[in-house]
Protein backbone atom coordinates (compact mmCIF):
# COMPACT_ATOMS: atom_id res chain seq x y z
CA MET A 1 23.85 -23.16 -4.62
CA THR A 2 22.91 -26.12 -2.48
CA PHE A 3 20.18 -28.56 -3.36
CA TYR A 4 18.00 -27.31 -0.47
CA LYS A 5 18.45 -23.68 -1.50
CA LYS A 6 17.29 -24.58 -5.01
CA ILE A 7 14.23 -26.35 -3.61
CA ILE A 8 13.38 -23.36 -1.38
CA ASP A 9 13.78 -20.94 -4.31
CA TRP A 10 11.57 -23.15 -6.48
CA LEU A 11 8.87 -23.31 -3.78
CA LYS A 12 8.99 -19.51 -3.34
CA LYS A 13 8.36 -19.07 -7.06
CA LEU A 14 5.68 -21.75 -7.16
CA PHE A 15 3.69 -20.20 -4.32
CA GLU A 16 4.64 -16.59 -5.23
CA LEU A 17 6.25 -16.14 -1.81
CA GLU A 18 9.07 -13.97 -3.17
CA LYS A 19 6.63 -11.06 -3.30
CA TYR A 20 6.80 -10.99 0.53
CA ASP A 21 10.62 -10.92 0.63
CA PHE A 22 11.89 -7.33 0.40
CA GLU A 23 14.15 -4.90 2.22
CA ARG A 24 13.19 -1.58 0.61
CA ILE A 25 9.96 0.07 -0.49
CA ILE A 26 10.04 2.59 -3.31
CA PHE A 27 7.09 4.63 -4.58
CA THR A 28 7.14 6.48 -7.85
CA LYS A 29 6.64 10.23 -7.53
CA GLU A 30 3.64 9.82 -9.86
CA VAL A 31 1.88 7.51 -7.36
CA ILE A 32 2.56 9.86 -4.44
CA GLU A 33 1.21 12.82 -6.41
CA ALA A 34 -1.93 10.84 -7.31
CA ILE A 35 -2.49 9.97 -3.63
CA ILE A 36 -2.19 13.63 -2.63
CA GLU A 37 -4.58 14.72 -5.39
CA LEU A 38 -7.16 12.06 -4.49
CA ALA A 39 -7.08 13.02 -0.81
CA ARG A 40 -7.59 16.69 -1.64
CA MET A 41 -10.37 15.99 -4.15
CA THR A 42 -12.39 13.76 -1.83
CA SER A 43 -11.95 15.79 1.36
CA PRO A 44 -13.71 16.03 3.78
CA ASN A 45 -14.57 12.40 3.06
CA GLU A 46 -12.01 9.63 3.22
CA PHE A 47 -10.86 7.80 0.09
CA ILE A 48 -9.34 4.37 -0.39
CA ALA A 49 -7.26 2.90 -3.20
CA PHE A 50 -4.98 -0.10 -3.51
CA LEU A 51 -1.26 -0.17 -4.16
CA GLN A 52 0.09 -2.05 -7.16
CA GLY A 53 3.66 -3.22 -6.99
CA LYS A 54 6.21 -5.91 -7.53
CA VAL A 55 9.29 -7.18 -5.71
CA ARG A 56 12.49 -7.33 -7.70
CA LYS A 57 15.96 -7.71 -6.22
CA ARG A 58 14.55 -7.41 -2.68
CA THR A 59 12.96 -4.03 -3.45
CA LEU A 60 9.20 -3.56 -3.47
CA ARG A 61 8.40 -0.97 -6.13
CA ILE A 62 4.95 0.59 -5.92
CA HIS A 63 4.12 1.69 -9.45
CA GLY A 64 0.38 2.23 -9.54
CA LEU A 65 -2.96 2.60 -7.84
CA ALA A 66 -5.98 0.37 -8.37
CA TYR A 67 -9.49 1.43 -7.55
CA GLN A 68 -12.60 -0.39 -6.46
CA GLU A 69 -16.03 0.97 -5.73
CA TYR A 70 -16.16 2.30 -2.19
CA PHE A 71 -18.43 4.19 0.17
CA ALA A 72 -17.01 6.98 2.32
CA ASN A 73 -17.79 9.66 4.83
CA GLU A 74 -15.72 11.80 7.16
CA ASN A 75 -15.07 8.90 9.52
CA SER A 76 -14.54 5.81 7.40
CA THR A 77 -14.43 4.06 4.05
CA LEU A 78 -15.75 0.70 3.00
CA ALA A 79 -14.47 -0.81 -0.24
CA LYS A 80 -15.97 -3.56 -2.36
CA ILE A 81 -12.81 -5.60 -2.86
CA ASN A 82 -12.88 -7.75 -5.95
CA PHE A 83 -9.32 -8.19 -7.26
CA PRO A 84 -8.16 -11.44 -8.88
CA LEU A 85 -5.81 -13.55 -6.76
CA THR A 86 -3.04 -13.03 -9.31
CA SER A 87 -3.23 -9.25 -9.16
CA SER A 88 -0.26 -7.11 -8.22
CA ILE A 89 -2.04 -5.60 -5.19
CA VAL A 90 0.42 -5.27 -2.31
CA GLY A 91 -1.46 -2.98 0.06
CA SER A 92 -3.69 0.05 0.39
CA VAL A 93 -3.81 3.79 0.86
CA HIS A 94 -6.52 5.86 2.46
CA SER A 95 -6.98 9.35 3.79
CA HIS A 96 -7.84 10.73 7.20
CA PRO A 97 -9.50 14.14 6.87
CA GLY A 98 -8.12 15.21 10.24
CA PRO A 99 -4.69 15.88 11.75
CA SER A 100 -3.74 12.23 12.45
CA ASN A 101 -2.36 9.57 10.14
CA LYS A 102 -2.28 6.93 12.88
CA PRO A 103 -4.30 3.79 12.14
CA SER A 104 -7.58 3.22 13.94
CA ARG A 105 -8.60 -0.18 15.30
CA ALA A 106 -10.62 -0.73 12.08
CA ASP A 107 -7.56 0.24 10.00
CA LEU A 108 -5.39 -2.29 11.85
CA HIS A 109 -7.95 -5.03 11.24
CA PHE A 110 -8.05 -4.12 7.54
CA PHE A 111 -4.22 -4.01 7.30
CA SER A 112 -3.96 -7.52 8.73
CA LYS A 113 -6.17 -8.88 5.95
CA ARG A 114 -5.16 -6.87 2.86
CA GLY A 115 -1.50 -6.73 1.90
CA MET A 116 1.92 -5.82 3.18
CA VAL A 117 2.14 -2.03 2.90
CA HIS A 118 -0.50 0.49 3.90
CA LEU A 119 -0.41 4.26 3.70
CA ILE A 120 -2.47 6.82 5.55
CA ILE A 121 -2.39 10.43 4.43
CA LYS A 122 -3.67 13.13 6.79
CA LYS A 123 -4.79 16.68 6.24
CA PRO A 124 -3.41 19.01 4.78
CA TYR A 125 -2.43 16.24 2.32
CA THR A 126 1.20 16.81 1.42
CA GLU A 127 4.03 14.35 0.88
CA LYS A 128 5.14 14.76 4.51
CA ASP A 129 1.62 13.87 5.72
CA ILE A 130 1.93 10.28 4.47
CA GLN A 131 2.86 7.49 6.86
CA ALA A 132 3.45 3.87 5.87
CA TYR A 133 2.58 0.84 7.99
CA ASP A 134 3.10 -2.90 7.69
CA ALA A 135 0.30 -5.45 8.02
CA LYS A 136 0.62 -5.34 11.83
CA GLY A 137 0.37 -1.55 12.02
CA ASN A 138 4.07 -0.90 12.64
CA LYS A 139 5.51 2.23 11.03
CA ILE A 140 7.77 1.46 8.08
CA MET A 141 10.07 3.60 5.96
CA PHE A 142 9.70 4.16 2.24
CA GLU A 143 11.45 6.09 -0.50
CA ILE A 144 10.14 8.13 -3.39
CA THR A 145 11.79 8.02 -6.78
CA PRO A 146 11.22 10.49 -9.61
CA GLU A 147 10.98 7.56 -12.05
CA THR A 148 7.65 6.42 -13.39
CA SER A 149 6.90 2.70 -13.64
């Protein structure tokens, strides 16, 4: 390892930049099932939760959901976001009570400010109704593993 590579690795750790450096995204089956259940329970209103995860060996593993107080109706959600800076929040998930899981203009604005991975689940709220997006609103692929955390 070169001197410069060591310096870069040290800076990544110092500023926690390694959490942005991943090639794969894996969700536990438990998290996906919780998302589906929340969407069904809150319908016809939207819900919002936040994704907890960690990057290890260039894989972002989403292992939990975090909740904040939020206000919702059939058209939108508004969350009171109050997570510590050192939290493991890497993105968000919310529901659309209609037939589209495409992000709205408000969703895209939110994505750009709140993490790296964002999910939208549409009605009828099954695993295949979930779409993942990056912070710019581009569709991204993810995997589901039967493992828990």
